[in-house]
Amino acid sequence: MTGSSGDPTPPEGLPESIVADLDQLTPEQLRKTIIHARELLQASDEADSPIEPRPGEDIIRVTEHDGYTEVVKRVRCADGCSNCPHGPYLYHVTEEPRPEGGTHTHWSFLGRVEIDEE
């Protein structure tokens, strides 16, 4: 979610000191922070998020809604493509029950979207 200035709006309940620290990080430092945060979640026995980038994907934004998660991402194709990355593309992601038990993450492609970038 983004505010009126185009800057991302932090999730409710995230301490302001963490928001301020994150705002100062480079994209590479943010990626490393995400990796570390995932490791901390796994160590605390929390369930993994179904929103995991595949190789060659960059997740731009994740917004939780009742019943689905909205994901905006860019994708890269084979080496040598002069138009990479492609997108950004909008997806709705849901967790669907499987007949044999458990769940399946279902990604519904909605199309290309315009986003404000600096």
PDB file of N, CA and C in Angstrom:
ATOM      1  N   MET A   1       0.851  -1.176   0.000  1.00  0.00           N
ATOM      2  CA  MET A   1       0.000   0.000   0.000  1.00  0.00           C
ATOM      3  C   MET A   1       0.887   1.225   0.000  1.00  0.00           C
ATOM      4  N   THR A   2       0.514   2.233  -0.737  1.00  0.00           N
ATOM      5  CA  THR A   2       1.301   3.459  -0.794  1.00  0.00           C
ATOM      6  C   THR A   2       0.465   4.642  -0.325  1.00  0.00           C
ATOM      7  N   GLY A   3       1.149   5.599   0.262  1.00  0.00           N
ATOM      8  CA  GLY A   3       0.484   6.808   0.721  1.00  0.00           C
ATOM      9  C   GLY A   3       0.364   7.811  -0.401  1.00  0.00           C
ATOM     10  N   SER A   4      -0.113   9.004  -0.069  1.00  0.00           N
ATOM     11  CA  SER A   4      -0.345  10.041  -1.079  1.00  0.00           C
ATOM     12  C   SER A   4       0.947  10.503  -1.744  1.00  0.00           C
ATOM     13  N   SER A   5       2.084  10.378  -1.067  1.00  0.00           N
ATOM     14  CA  SER A   5       3.351  10.799  -1.655  1.00  0.00           C
ATOM     15  C   SER A   5       3.966   9.726  -2.531  1.00  0.00           C
ATOM     16  N   GLY A   6       3.339   8.548  -2.605  1.00  0.00           N
ATOM     17  CA  GLY A   6       3.881   7.456  -3.393  1.00  0.00           C
ATOM     18  C   GLY A   6       4.797   6.548  -2.595  1.00  0.00           C
ATOM     19  N   ASP A   7       5.149   6.962  -1.370  1.00  0.00           N
ATOM     20  CA  ASP A   7       5.983   6.120  -0.522  1.00  0.00           C
ATOM     21  C   ASP A   7       5.138   4.988   0.053  1.00  0.00           C
ATOM     22  N   PRO A   8       5.738   3.808   0.242  1.00  0.00           N
ATOM     23  CA  PRO A   8       4.990   2.700   0.835  1.00  0.00           C
ATOM     24  C   PRO A   8       4.502   3.046   2.241  1.00  0.00           C
ATOM     25  N   THR A   9       3.308   2.586   2.555  1.00  0.00           N
ATOM     26  CA  THR A   9       2.756   2.768   3.891  1.00  0.00           C
ATOM     27  C   THR A   9       3.102   1.536   4.723  1.00  0.00           C
ATOM     28  N   PRO A  10       3.808   1.708   5.836  1.00  0.00           N
ATOM     29  CA  PRO A  10       4.179   0.545   6.647  1.00  0.00           C
ATOM     30  C   PRO A  10       2.943  -0.141   7.231  1.00  0.00           C
ATOM     31  N   PRO A  11       3.050  -1.441   7.469  1.00  0.00           N
ATOM     32  CA  PRO A  11       1.926  -2.141   8.080  1.00  0.00           C
ATOM     33  C   PRO A  11       1.631  -1.595   9.472  1.00  0.00           C
ATOM     34  N   GLU A  12       0.367  -1.632   9.838  1.00  0.00           N
ATOM     35  CA  GLU A  12      -0.047  -1.174  11.155  1.00  0.00           C
ATOM     36  C   GLU A  12       0.662  -2.001  12.224  1.00  0.00           C
ATOM     37  N   GLY A  13       1.162  -1.324  13.240  1.00  0.00           N
ATOM     38  CA  GLY A  13       1.814  -2.003  14.352  1.00  0.00           C
ATOM     39  C   GLY A  13       3.324  -2.117  14.218  1.00  0.00           C
ATOM     40  N   LEU A  14       3.889  -1.777  13.046  1.00  0.00           N
ATOM     41  CA  LEU A  14       5.345  -1.813  12.892  1.00  0.00           C
ATOM     42  C   LEU A  14       5.935  -0.593  13.594  1.00  0.00           C
ATOM     43  N   PRO A  15       6.857  -0.796  14.529  1.00  0.00           N
ATOM     44  CA  PRO A  15       7.414   0.342  15.270  1.00  0.00           C
ATOM     45  C   PRO A  15       8.051   1.379  14.350  1.00  0.00           C
ATOM     46  N   GLU A  16       7.829   2.644  14.685  1.00  0.00           N
ATOM     47  CA  GLU A  16       8.348   3.742  13.867  1.00  0.00           C
ATOM     48  C   GLU A  16       9.866   3.712  13.749  1.00  0.00           C
ATOM     49  N   SER A  17      10.551   3.238  14.800  1.00  0.00           N
ATOM     50  CA  SER A  17      12.013   3.183  14.738  1.00  0.00           C
ATOM     51  C   SER A  17      12.476   2.196  13.660  1.00  0.00           C
ATOM     52  N   ILE A  18      11.754   1.088  13.494  1.00  0.00           N
ATOM     53  CA  ILE A  18      12.106   0.114  12.455  1.00  0.00           C
ATOM     54  C   ILE A  18      11.810   0.698  11.085  1.00  0.00           C
ATOM     55  N   VAL A  19      10.669   1.376  10.941  1.00  0.00           N
ATOM     56  CA  VAL A  19      10.324   2.014   9.667  1.00  0.00           C
ATOM     57  C   VAL A  19      11.414   3.007   9.280  1.00  0.00           C
ATOM     58  N   ALA A  20      11.857   3.821  10.227  1.00  0.00           N
ATOM     59  CA  ALA A  20      12.891   4.820   9.947  1.00  0.00           C
ATOM     60  C   ALA A  20      14.194   4.149   9.522  1.00  0.00           C
ATOM     61  N   ASP A  21      14.574   3.067  10.208  1.00  0.00           N
ATOM     62  CA  ASP A  21      15.798   2.347   9.836  1.00  0.00           C
ATOM     63  C   ASP A  21      15.680   1.736   8.441  1.00  0.00           C
ATOM     64  N   LEU A  22      14.531   1.120   8.141  1.00  0.00           N
ATOM     65  CA  LEU A  22      14.341   0.497   6.828  1.00  0.00           C
ATOM     66  C   LEU A  22      14.374   1.529   5.706  1.00  0.00           C
ATOM     67  N   ASP A  23      13.836   2.706   5.956  1.00  0.00           N
ATOM     68  CA  ASP A  23      13.819   3.765   4.941  1.00  0.00           C
ATOM     69  C   ASP A  23      15.228   4.190   4.525  1.00  0.00           C
ATOM     70  N   GLN A  24      16.213   3.943   5.366  1.00  0.00           N
ATOM     71  CA  GLN A  24      17.590   4.363   5.084  1.00  0.00           C
ATOM     72  C   GLN A  24      18.400   3.303   4.330  1.00  0.00           C
ATOM     73  N   LEU A  25      17.846   2.095   4.148  1.00  0.00           N
ATOM     74  CA  LEU A  25      18.596   0.992   3.548  1.00  0.00           C
ATOM     75  C   LEU A  25      18.576   1.030   2.026  1.00  0.00           C
ATOM     76  N   THR A  26      19.624   0.503   1.435  1.00  0.00           N
ATOM     77  CA  THR A  26      19.693   0.349  -0.017  1.00  0.00           C
ATOM     78  C   THR A  26      18.845  -0.865  -0.411  1.00  0.00           C
ATOM     79  N   PRO A  27      18.502  -1.001  -1.692  1.00  0.00           N
ATOM     80  CA  PRO A  27      17.752  -2.193  -2.108  1.00  0.00           C
ATOM     81  C   PRO A  27      18.452  -3.501  -1.730  1.00  0.00           C
ATOM     82  N   GLU A  28      19.761  -3.574  -1.864  1.00  0.00           N
ATOM     83  CA  GLU A  28      20.490  -4.800  -1.495  1.00  0.00           C
ATOM     84  C   GLU A  28      20.386  -5.051   0.005  1.00  0.00           C
ATOM     85  N   GLN A  29      20.505  -4.017   0.813  1.00  0.00           N
ATOM     86  CA  GLN A  29      20.364  -4.175   2.261  1.00  0.00           C
ATOM     87  C   GLN A  29      18.940  -4.597   2.630  1.00  0.00           C
ATOM     88  N   LEU A  30      17.942  -4.070   1.911  1.00  0.00           N
ATOM     89  CA  LEU A  30      16.555  -4.477   2.158  1.00  0.00           C
ATOM     90  C   LEU A  30      16.360  -5.959   1.844  1.00  0.00           C
ATOM     91  N   ARG A  31      16.940  -6.430   0.732  1.00  0.00           N
ATOM     92  CA  ARG A  31      16.832  -7.855   0.386  1.00  0.00           C
ATOM     93  C   ARG A  31      17.441  -8.724   1.483  1.00  0.00           C
ATOM     94  N   LYS A  32      18.599  -8.328   1.986  1.00  0.00           N
ATOM     95  CA  LYS A  32      19.249  -9.086   3.064  1.00  0.00           C
ATOM     96  C   LYS A  32      18.413  -9.039   4.333  1.00  0.00           C
ATOM     97  N   THR A  33      17.762  -7.916   4.585  1.00  0.00           N
ATOM     98  CA  THR A  33      16.880  -7.794   5.754  1.00  0.00           C
ATOM     99  C   THR A  33      15.701  -8.740   5.628  1.00  0.00           C
ATOM    100  N   ILE A  34      15.138  -8.851   4.425  1.00  0.00           N
ATOM    101  CA  ILE A  34      14.018  -9.766   4.188  1.00  0.00           C
ATOM    102  C   ILE A  34      14.449 -11.201   4.460  1.00  0.00           C
ATOM    103  N   ILE A  35      15.624 -11.569   3.958  1.00  0.00           N
ATOM    104  CA  ILE A  35      16.130 -12.929   4.182  1.00  0.00           C
ATOM    105  C   ILE A  35      16.274 -13.195   5.678  1.00  0.00           C
ATOM    106  N   HIS A  36      16.839 -12.256   6.388  1.00  0.00           N
ATOM    107  CA  HIS A  36      17.023 -12.434   7.829  1.00  0.00           C
ATOM    108  C   HIS A  36      15.677 -12.512   8.551  1.00  0.00           C
ATOM    109  N   ALA A  37      14.724 -11.667   8.161  1.00  0.00           N
ATOM    110  CA  ALA A  37      13.405 -11.693   8.792  1.00  0.00           C
ATOM    111  C   ALA A  37      12.726 -13.048   8.559  1.00  0.00           C
ATOM    112  N   ARG A  38      12.846 -13.602   7.353  1.00  0.00           N
ATOM    113  CA  ARG A  38      12.277 -14.929   7.078  1.00  0.00           C
ATOM    114  C   ARG A  38      12.913 -15.993   7.955  1.00  0.00           C
ATOM    115  N   GLU A  39      14.245 -15.902   8.110  1.00  0.00           N
ATOM    116  CA  GLU A  39      14.940 -16.863   8.967  1.00  0.00           C
ATOM    117  C   GLU A  39      14.456 -16.753  10.409  1.00  0.00           C
ATOM    118  N   LEU A  40      14.235 -15.529  10.882  1.00  0.00           N
ATOM    119  CA  LEU A  40      13.717 -15.338  12.237  1.00  0.00           C
ATOM    120  C   LEU A  40      12.330 -15.938  12.390  1.00  0.00           C
ATOM    121  N   LEU A  41      11.479 -15.760  11.378  1.00  0.00           N
ATOM    122  CA  LEU A  41      10.139 -16.359  11.415  1.00  0.00           C
ATOM    123  C   LEU A  41      10.212 -17.876  11.459  1.00  0.00           C
ATOM    124  N   GLN A  42      11.073 -18.459  10.634  1.00  0.00           N
ATOM    125  CA  GLN A  42      11.214 -19.909  10.626  1.00  0.00           C
ATOM    126  C   GLN A  42      11.709 -20.408  11.977  1.00  0.00           C
ATOM    127  N   ALA A  43      12.624 -19.689  12.580  1.00  0.00           N
ATOM    128  CA  ALA A  43      13.155 -20.084  13.876  1.00  0.00           C
ATOM    129  C   ALA A  43      12.099 -20.003  14.971  1.00  0.00           C
ATOM    130  N   SER A  44      11.097 -19.141  14.773  1.00  0.00           N
ATOM    131  CA  SER A  44      10.048 -19.008  15.784  1.00  0.00           C
ATOM    132  C   SER A  44       8.869 -19.928  15.502  1.00  0.00           C
ATOM    133  N   ASP A  45       9.031 -20.850  14.527  1.00  0.00           N
ATOM    134  CA  ASP A  45       8.010 -21.835  14.173  1.00  0.00           C
ATOM    135  C   ASP A  45       6.757 -21.217  13.590  1.00  0.00           C
ATOM    136  N   GLU A  46       6.849 -20.008  13.052  1.00  0.00           N
ATOM    137  CA  GLU A  46       5.712 -19.400  12.362  1.00  0.00           C
ATOM    138  C   GLU A  46       5.586 -20.042  10.989  1.00  0.00           C
ATOM    139  N   ALA A  47       4.365 -20.057  10.447  1.00  0.00           N
ATOM    140  CA  ALA A  47       4.148 -20.582   9.099  1.00  0.00           C
ATOM    141  C   ALA A  47       4.782 -19.647   8.075  1.00  0.00           C
ATOM    142  N   ASP A  48       5.377 -20.224   7.055  1.00  0.00           N
ATOM    143  CA  ASP A  48       5.954 -19.427   5.975  1.00  0.00           C
ATOM    144  C   ASP A  48       4.856 -18.751   5.181  1.00  0.00           C
ATOM    145  N   SER A  49       5.174 -17.606   4.639  1.00  0.00           N
ATOM    146  CA  SER A  49       4.256 -16.902   3.762  1.00  0.00           C
ATOM    147  C   SER A  49       4.210 -17.624   2.424  1.00  0.00           C
ATOM    148  N   PRO A  50       3.031 -17.702   1.809  1.00  0.00           N
ATOM    149  CA  PRO A  50       2.971 -18.309   0.481  1.00  0.00           C
ATOM    150  C   PRO A  50       3.540 -17.389  -0.600  1.00  0.00           C
ATOM    151  N   ILE A  51       3.917 -16.192  -0.222  1.00  0.00           N
ATOM    152  CA  ILE A  51       4.419 -15.212  -1.179  1.00  0.00           C
ATOM    153  C   ILE A  51       5.937 -15.261  -1.162  1.00  0.00           C
ATOM    154  N   GLU A  52       6.491 -16.101  -1.994  1.00  0.00           N
ATOM    155  CA  GLU A  52       7.931 -16.235  -2.097  1.00  0.00           C
ATOM    156  C   GLU A  52       8.332 -15.981  -3.547  1.00  0.00           C
ATOM    157  N   PRO A  53       9.298 -15.087  -3.786  1.00  0.00           N
ATOM    158  CA  PRO A  53       9.725 -14.866  -5.172  1.00  0.00           C
ATOM    159  C   PRO A  53      10.472 -16.083  -5.699  1.00  0.00           C
ATOM    160  N   ARG A  54      10.207 -16.393  -6.944  1.00  0.00           N
ATOM    161  CA  ARG A  54      10.955 -17.449  -7.627  1.00  0.00           C
ATOM    162  C   ARG A  54      12.212 -16.823  -8.213  1.00  0.00           C
ATOM    163  N   PRO A  55      13.168 -17.645  -8.632  1.00  0.00           N
ATOM    164  CA  PRO A  55      14.359 -17.068  -9.265  1.00  0.00           C
ATOM    165  C   PRO A  55      13.959 -16.186 -10.454  1.00  0.00           C
ATOM    166  N   GLY A  56      14.547 -15.003 -10.515  1.00  0.00           N
ATOM    167  CA  GLY A  56      14.260 -14.074 -11.602  1.00  0.00           C
ATOM    168  C   GLY A  56      13.052 -13.182 -11.350  1.00  0.00           C
ATOM    169  N   GLU A  57      12.452 -13.261 -10.171  1.00  0.00           N
ATOM    170  CA  GLU A  57      11.297 -12.421  -9.853  1.00  0.00           C
ATOM    171  C   GLU A  57      11.672 -11.410  -8.776  1.00  0.00           C
ATOM    172  N   ASP A  58      11.097 -10.232  -8.882  1.00  0.00           N
ATOM    173  CA  ASP A  58      11.248  -9.204  -7.850  1.00  0.00           C
ATOM    174  C   ASP A  58       9.859  -8.830  -7.380  1.00  0.00           C
ATOM    175  N   ILE A  59       9.573  -9.078  -6.124  1.00  0.00           N
ATOM    176  CA  ILE A  59       8.279  -8.688  -5.579  1.00  0.00           C
ATOM    177  C   ILE A  59       8.357  -7.217  -5.200  1.00  0.00           C
ATOM    178  N   ILE A  60       7.456  -6.440  -5.778  1.00  0.00           N
ATOM    179  CA  ILE A  60       7.437  -4.995  -5.580  1.00  0.00           C
ATOM    180  C   ILE A  60       6.582  -4.620  -4.372  1.00  0.00           C
ATOM    181  N   ARG A  61       5.424  -5.277  -4.269  1.00  0.00           N
ATOM    182  CA  ARG A  61       4.477  -4.918  -3.204  1.00  0.00           C
ATOM    183  C   ARG A  61       3.616  -6.123  -2.866  1.00  0.00           C
ATOM    184  N   VAL A  62       3.327  -6.283  -1.573  1.00  0.00           N
ATOM    185  CA  VAL A  62       2.410  -7.314  -1.086  1.00  0.00           C
ATOM    186  C   VAL A  62       1.408  -6.622  -0.175  1.00  0.00           C
ATOM    187  N   THR A  63       0.112  -6.785  -0.483  1.00  0.00           N
ATOM    188  CA  THR A  63      -0.945  -6.171   0.313  1.00  0.00           C
ATOM    189  C   THR A  63      -1.944  -7.248   0.701  1.00  0.00           C
ATOM    190  N   GLU A  64      -2.139  -7.422   1.995  1.00  0.00           N
ATOM    191  CA  GLU A  64      -3.085  -8.421   2.495  1.00  0.00           C
ATOM    192  C   GLU A  64      -4.504  -7.867   2.447  1.00  0.00           C
ATOM    193  N   HIS A  65      -5.445  -8.688   1.992  1.00  0.00           N
ATOM    194  CA  HIS A  65      -6.870  -8.374   1.962  1.00  0.00           C
ATOM    195  C   HIS A  65      -7.620  -9.559   2.568  1.00  0.00           C
ATOM    196  N   ASP A  66      -8.888  -9.361   2.905  1.00  0.00           N
ATOM    197  CA  ASP A  66      -9.700 -10.480   3.377  1.00  0.00           C
ATOM    198  C   ASP A  66      -9.874 -11.473   2.239  1.00  0.00           C
ATOM    199  N   GLY A  67      -9.374 -12.683   2.409  1.00  0.00           N
ATOM    200  CA  GLY A  67      -9.577 -13.742   1.436  1.00  0.00           C
ATOM    201  C   GLY A  67      -8.515 -13.861   0.360  1.00  0.00           C
ATOM    202  N   TYR A  68      -7.643 -12.881   0.203  1.00  0.00           N
ATOM    203  CA  TYR A  68      -6.590 -12.981  -0.800  1.00  0.00           C
ATOM    204  C   TYR A  68      -5.454 -12.012  -0.463  1.00  0.00           C
ATOM    205  N   THR A  69      -4.336 -12.217  -1.124  1.00  0.00           N
ATOM    206  CA  THR A  69      -3.190 -11.328  -1.008  1.00  0.00           C
ATOM    207  C   THR A  69      -2.913 -10.748  -2.380  1.00  0.00           C
ATOM    208  N   GLU A  70      -2.759  -9.444  -2.455  1.00  0.00           N
ATOM    209  CA  GLU A  70      -2.450  -8.764  -3.712  1.00  0.00           C
ATOM    210  C   GLU A  70      -0.932  -8.650  -3.826  1.00  0.00           C
ATOM    211  N   VAL A  71      -0.394  -9.117  -4.951  1.00  0.00           N
ATOM    212  CA  VAL A  71       1.054  -9.098  -5.168  1.00  0.00           C
ATOM    213  C   VAL A  71       1.358  -8.410  -6.492  1.00  0.00           C
ATOM    214  N   VAL A  72       2.302  -7.488  -6.460  1.00  0.00           N
ATOM    215  CA  VAL A  72       2.802  -6.848  -7.669  1.00  0.00           C
ATOM    216  C   VAL A  72       4.260  -7.277  -7.796  1.00  0.00           C
ATOM    217  N   LYS A  73       4.604  -7.829  -8.981  1.00  0.00           N
ATOM    218  CA  LYS A  73       5.983  -8.276  -9.166  1.00  0.00           C
ATOM    219  C   LYS A  73       6.448  -8.059 -10.593  1.00  0.00           C
ATOM    220  N   ARG A  74       7.771  -8.066 -10.753  1.00  0.00           N
ATOM    221  CA  ARG A  74       8.425  -8.017 -12.050  1.00  0.00           C
ATOM    222  C   ARG A  74       9.059  -9.389 -12.276  1.00  0.00           C
ATOM    223  N   VAL A  75       9.188  -9.773 -13.541  1.00  0.00           N
ATOM    224  CA  VAL A  75       9.807 -11.063 -13.860  1.00  0.00           C
ATOM    225  C   VAL A  75      10.893 -10.867 -14.913  1.00  0.00           C
ATOM    226  N   ARG A  76      11.907 -11.693 -14.819  1.00  0.00           N
ATOM    227  CA  ARG A  76      13.000 -11.690 -15.792  1.00  0.00           C
ATOM    228  C   ARG A  76      12.926 -12.996 -16.571  1.00  0.00           C
ATOM    229  N   CYS A  77      13.232 -12.916 -17.860  1.00  0.00           N
ATOM    230  CA  CYS A  77      13.230 -14.129 -18.676  1.00  0.00           C
ATOM    231  C   CYS A  77      14.671 -14.542 -18.951  1.00  0.00           C
ATOM    232  N   ALA A  78      14.886 -15.236 -20.032  1.00  0.00           N
ATOM    233  CA  ALA A  78      16.209 -15.765 -20.348  1.00  0.00           C
ATOM    234  C   ALA A  78      17.230 -14.645 -20.540  1.00  0.00           C
ATOM    235  N   ASP A  79      18.480 -15.028 -20.333  1.00  0.00           N
ATOM    236  CA  ASP A  79      19.573 -14.081 -20.562  1.00  0.00           C
ATOM    237  C   ASP A  79      19.519 -13.569 -21.988  1.00  0.00           C
ATOM    238  N   GLY A  80      19.879 -12.326 -22.151  1.00  0.00           N
ATOM    239  CA  GLY A  80      19.913 -11.741 -23.483  1.00  0.00           C
ATOM    240  C   GLY A  80      18.659 -10.973 -23.853  1.00  0.00           C
ATOM    241  N   CYS A  81      17.658 -10.968 -22.994  1.00  0.00           N
ATOM    242  CA  CYS A  81      16.430 -10.226 -23.271  1.00  0.00           C
ATOM    243  C   CYS A  81      16.693  -8.751 -22.958  1.00  0.00           C
ATOM    244  N   SER A  82      16.560  -7.909 -23.963  1.00  0.00           N
ATOM    245  CA  SER A  82      16.843  -6.489 -23.769  1.00  0.00           C
ATOM    246  C   SER A  82      15.692  -5.746 -23.099  1.00  0.00           C
ATOM    247  N   ASN A  83      14.554  -6.399 -22.928  1.00  0.00           N
ATOM    248  CA  ASN A  83      13.391  -5.754 -22.314  1.00  0.00           C
ATOM    249  C   ASN A  83      13.189  -6.120 -20.848  1.00  0.00           C
ATOM    250  N   CYS A  84      14.086  -6.916 -20.279  1.00  0.00           N
ATOM    251  CA  CYS A  84      13.917  -7.353 -18.887  1.00  0.00           C
ATOM    252  C   CYS A  84      14.228  -6.207 -17.933  1.00  0.00           C
ATOM    253  N   PRO A  85      13.605  -6.193 -16.765  1.00  0.00           N
ATOM    254  CA  PRO A  85      12.534  -7.093 -16.336  1.00  0.00           C
ATOM    255  C   PRO A  85      11.199  -6.679 -16.945  1.00  0.00           C
ATOM    256  N   HIS A  86      10.271  -7.611 -16.961  1.00  0.00           N
ATOM    257  CA  HIS A  86       8.939  -7.375 -17.504  1.00  0.00           C
ATOM    258  C   HIS A  86       7.963  -7.086 -16.364  1.00  0.00           C
ATOM    259  N   GLY A  87       6.937  -6.333 -16.673  1.00  0.00           N
ATOM    260  CA  GLY A  87       5.953  -5.993 -15.665  1.00  0.00           C
ATOM    261  C   GLY A  87       6.022  -4.517 -15.356  1.00  0.00           C
ATOM    262  N   PRO A  88       5.520  -4.127 -14.223  1.00  0.00           N
ATOM    263  CA  PRO A  88       5.030  -4.954 -13.129  1.00  0.00           C
ATOM    264  C   PRO A  88       3.665  -5.567 -13.436  1.00  0.00           C
ATOM    265  N   TYR A  89       3.445  -6.740 -12.864  1.00  0.00           N
ATOM    266  CA  TYR A  89       2.206  -7.481 -13.049  1.00  0.00           C
ATOM    267  C   TYR A  89       1.500  -7.643 -11.708  1.00  0.00           C
ATOM    268  N   LEU A  90       0.169  -7.648 -11.766  1.00  0.00           N
ATOM    269  CA  LEU A  90      -0.656  -7.792 -10.568  1.00  0.00           C
ATOM    270  C   LEU A  90      -1.206  -9.211 -10.494  1.00  0.00           C
ATOM    271  N   TYR A  91      -1.125  -9.797  -9.303  1.00  0.00           N
ATOM    272  CA  TYR A  91      -1.656 -11.128  -9.035  1.00  0.00           C
ATOM    273  C   TYR A  91      -2.509 -11.083  -7.767  1.00  0.00           C
ATOM    274  N   HIS A  92      -3.537 -11.922  -7.718  1.00  0.00           N
ATOM    275  CA  HIS A  92      -4.251 -12.198  -6.481  1.00  0.00           C
ATOM    276  C   HIS A  92      -3.860 -13.611  -6.076  1.00  0.00           C
ATOM    277  N   VAL A  93      -3.401 -13.769  -4.851  1.00  0.00           N
ATOM    278  CA  VAL A  93      -2.910 -15.055  -4.364  1.00  0.00           C
ATOM    279  C   VAL A  93      -3.848 -15.538  -3.261  1.00  0.00           C
ATOM    280  N   THR A  94      -4.295 -16.791  -3.407  1.00  0.00           N
ATOM    281  CA  THR A  94      -5.172 -17.391  -2.400  1.00  0.00           C
ATOM    282  C   THR A  94      -4.609 -18.733  -1.970  1.00  0.00           C
ATOM    283  N   GLU A  95      -4.975 -19.145  -0.781  1.00  0.00           N
ATOM    284  CA  GLU A  95      -4.655 -20.478  -0.281  1.00  0.00           C
ATOM    285  C   GLU A  95      -5.892 -21.332  -0.484  1.00  0.00           C
ATOM    286  N   GLU A  96      -5.772 -22.396  -1.274  1.00  0.00           N
ATOM    287  CA  GLU A  96      -6.907 -23.253  -1.584  1.00  0.00           C
ATOM    288  C   GLU A  96      -6.712 -24.618  -0.946  1.00  0.00           C
ATOM    289  N   PRO A  97      -7.766 -25.153  -0.312  1.00  0.00           N
ATOM    290  CA  PRO A  97      -7.629 -26.475   0.309  1.00  0.00           C
ATOM    291  C   PRO A  97      -7.480 -27.570  -0.751  1.00  0.00           C
ATOM    292  N   ARG A  98      -6.703 -28.592  -0.428  1.00  0.00           N
ATOM    293  CA  ARG A  98      -6.533 -29.751  -1.302  1.00  0.00           C
ATOM    294  C   ARG A  98      -7.427 -30.878  -0.781  1.00  0.00           C
ATOM    295  N   PRO A  99      -7.975 -31.683  -1.690  1.00  0.00           N
ATOM    296  CA  PRO A  99      -8.834 -32.794  -1.244  1.00  0.00           C
ATOM    297  C   PRO A  99      -8.121 -33.756  -0.296  1.00  0.00           C
ATOM    298  N   GLU A 100      -6.821 -33.953  -0.504  1.00  0.00           N
ATOM    299  CA  GLU A 100      -6.072 -34.888   0.342  1.00  0.00           C
ATOM    300  C   GLU A 100      -5.576 -34.243   1.636  1.00  0.00           C
ATOM    301  N   GLY A 101      -5.904 -32.971   1.821  1.00  0.00           N
ATOM    302  CA  GLY A 101      -5.470 -32.239   3.007  1.00  0.00           C
ATOM    303  C   GLY A 101      -4.409 -31.218   2.652  1.00  0.00           C
ATOM    304  N   GLY A 102      -4.225 -30.286   3.512  1.00  0.00           N
ATOM    305  CA  GLY A 102      -3.264 -29.226   3.267  1.00  0.00           C
ATOM    306  C   GLY A 102      -3.850 -28.164   2.346  1.00  0.00           C
ATOM    307  N   THR A 103      -2.975 -27.279   1.891  1.00  0.00           N
ATOM    308  CA  THR A 103      -3.419 -26.200   1.016  1.00  0.00           C
ATOM    309  C   THR A 103      -2.472 -26.056  -0.166  1.00  0.00           C
ATOM    310  N   HIS A 104      -2.957 -25.360  -1.162  1.00  0.00           N
ATOM    311  CA  HIS A 104      -2.196 -25.040  -2.370  1.00  0.00           C
ATOM    312  C   HIS A 104      -2.261 -23.532  -2.565  1.00  0.00           C
ATOM    313  N   THR A 105      -1.128 -22.917  -2.865  1.00  0.00           N
ATOM    314  CA  THR A 105      -1.089 -21.484  -3.151  1.00  0.00           C
ATOM    315  C   THR A 105      -1.442 -21.284  -4.616  1.00  0.00           C
ATOM    316  N   HIS A 106      -2.513 -20.523  -4.877  1.00  0.00           N
ATOM    317  CA  HIS A 106      -2.979 -20.280  -6.242  1.00  0.00           C
ATOM    318  C   HIS A 106      -2.746 -18.824  -6.603  1.00  0.00           C
ATOM    319  N   TRP A 107      -1.990 -18.607  -7.698  1.00  0.00           N
ATOM    320  CA  TRP A 107      -1.691 -17.264  -8.185  1.00  0.00           C
ATOM    321  C   TRP A 107      -2.597 -16.981  -9.377  1.00  0.00           C
ATOM    322  N   SER A 108      -3.426 -15.954  -9.285  1.00  0.00           N
ATOM    323  CA  SER A 108      -4.290 -15.530 -10.394  1.00  0.00           C
ATOM    324  C   SER A 108      -3.690 -14.276 -11.016  1.00  0.00           C
ATOM    325  N   PHE A 109      -3.295 -14.383 -12.283  1.00  0.00           N
ATOM    326  CA  PHE A 109      -2.701 -13.265 -13.010  1.00  0.00           C
ATOM    327  C   PHE A 109      -3.812 -12.305 -13.423  1.00  0.00           C
ATOM    328  N   LEU A 110      -3.677 -11.032 -13.045  1.00  0.00           N
ATOM    329  CA  LEU A 110      -4.688 -10.037 -13.388  1.00  0.00           C
ATOM    330  C   LEU A 110      -4.237  -9.088 -14.483  1.00  0.00           C
ATOM    331  N   GLY A 111      -2.939  -8.964 -14.718  1.00  0.00           N
ATOM    332  CA  GLY A 111      -2.461  -8.120 -15.801  1.00  0.00           C
ATOM    333  C   GLY A 111      -1.397  -7.133 -15.359  1.00  0.00           C
ATOM    334  N   ARG A 112      -0.988  -6.350 -16.311  1.00  0.00           N
ATOM    335  CA  ARG A 112       0.041  -5.328 -16.080  1.00  0.00           C
ATOM    336  C   ARG A 112      -0.564  -4.167 -15.291  1.00  0.00           C
ATOM    337  N   VAL A 113       0.225  -3.580 -14.410  1.00  0.00           N
ATOM    338  CA  VAL A 113      -0.212  -2.417 -13.632  1.00  0.00           C
ATOM    339  C   VAL A 113       0.840  -1.322 -13.713  1.00  0.00           C
ATOM    340  N   GLU A 114       0.388  -0.117 -13.502  1.00  0.00           N
ATOM    341  CA  GLU A 114       1.289   1.034 -13.412  1.00  0.00           C
ATOM    342  C   GLU A 114       1.544   1.308 -11.940  1.00  0.00           C
ATOM    343  N   ILE A 115       2.799   1.530 -11.602  1.00  0.00           N
ATOM    344  CA  ILE A 115       3.140   1.886 -10.221  1.00  0.00           C
ATOM    345  C   ILE A 115       4.033   3.108 -10.259  1.00  0.00           C
ATOM    346  N   ASP A 116       3.967   3.886  -9.187  1.00  0.00           N
ATOM    347  CA  ASP A 116       4.833   5.052  -9.066  1.00  0.00           C
ATOM    348  C   ASP A 116       6.206   4.577  -8.606  1.00  0.00           C
ATOM    349  N   GLU A 117       7.230   4.972  -9.340  1.00  0.00           N
ATOM    350  CA  GLU A 117       8.595   4.630  -8.970  1.00  0.00           C
ATOM    351  C   GLU A 117       9.428   5.884  -8.966  1.00  0.00           C
ATOM    352  N   GLU A 118      10.432   5.871  -8.114  1.00  0.00           N
ATOM    353  CA  GLU A 118      11.326   7.028  -8.040  1.00  0.00           C
ATOM    354  C   GLU A 118      12.399   6.918  -9.064  1.00  0.00           C
TER     355      GLU A 118
END
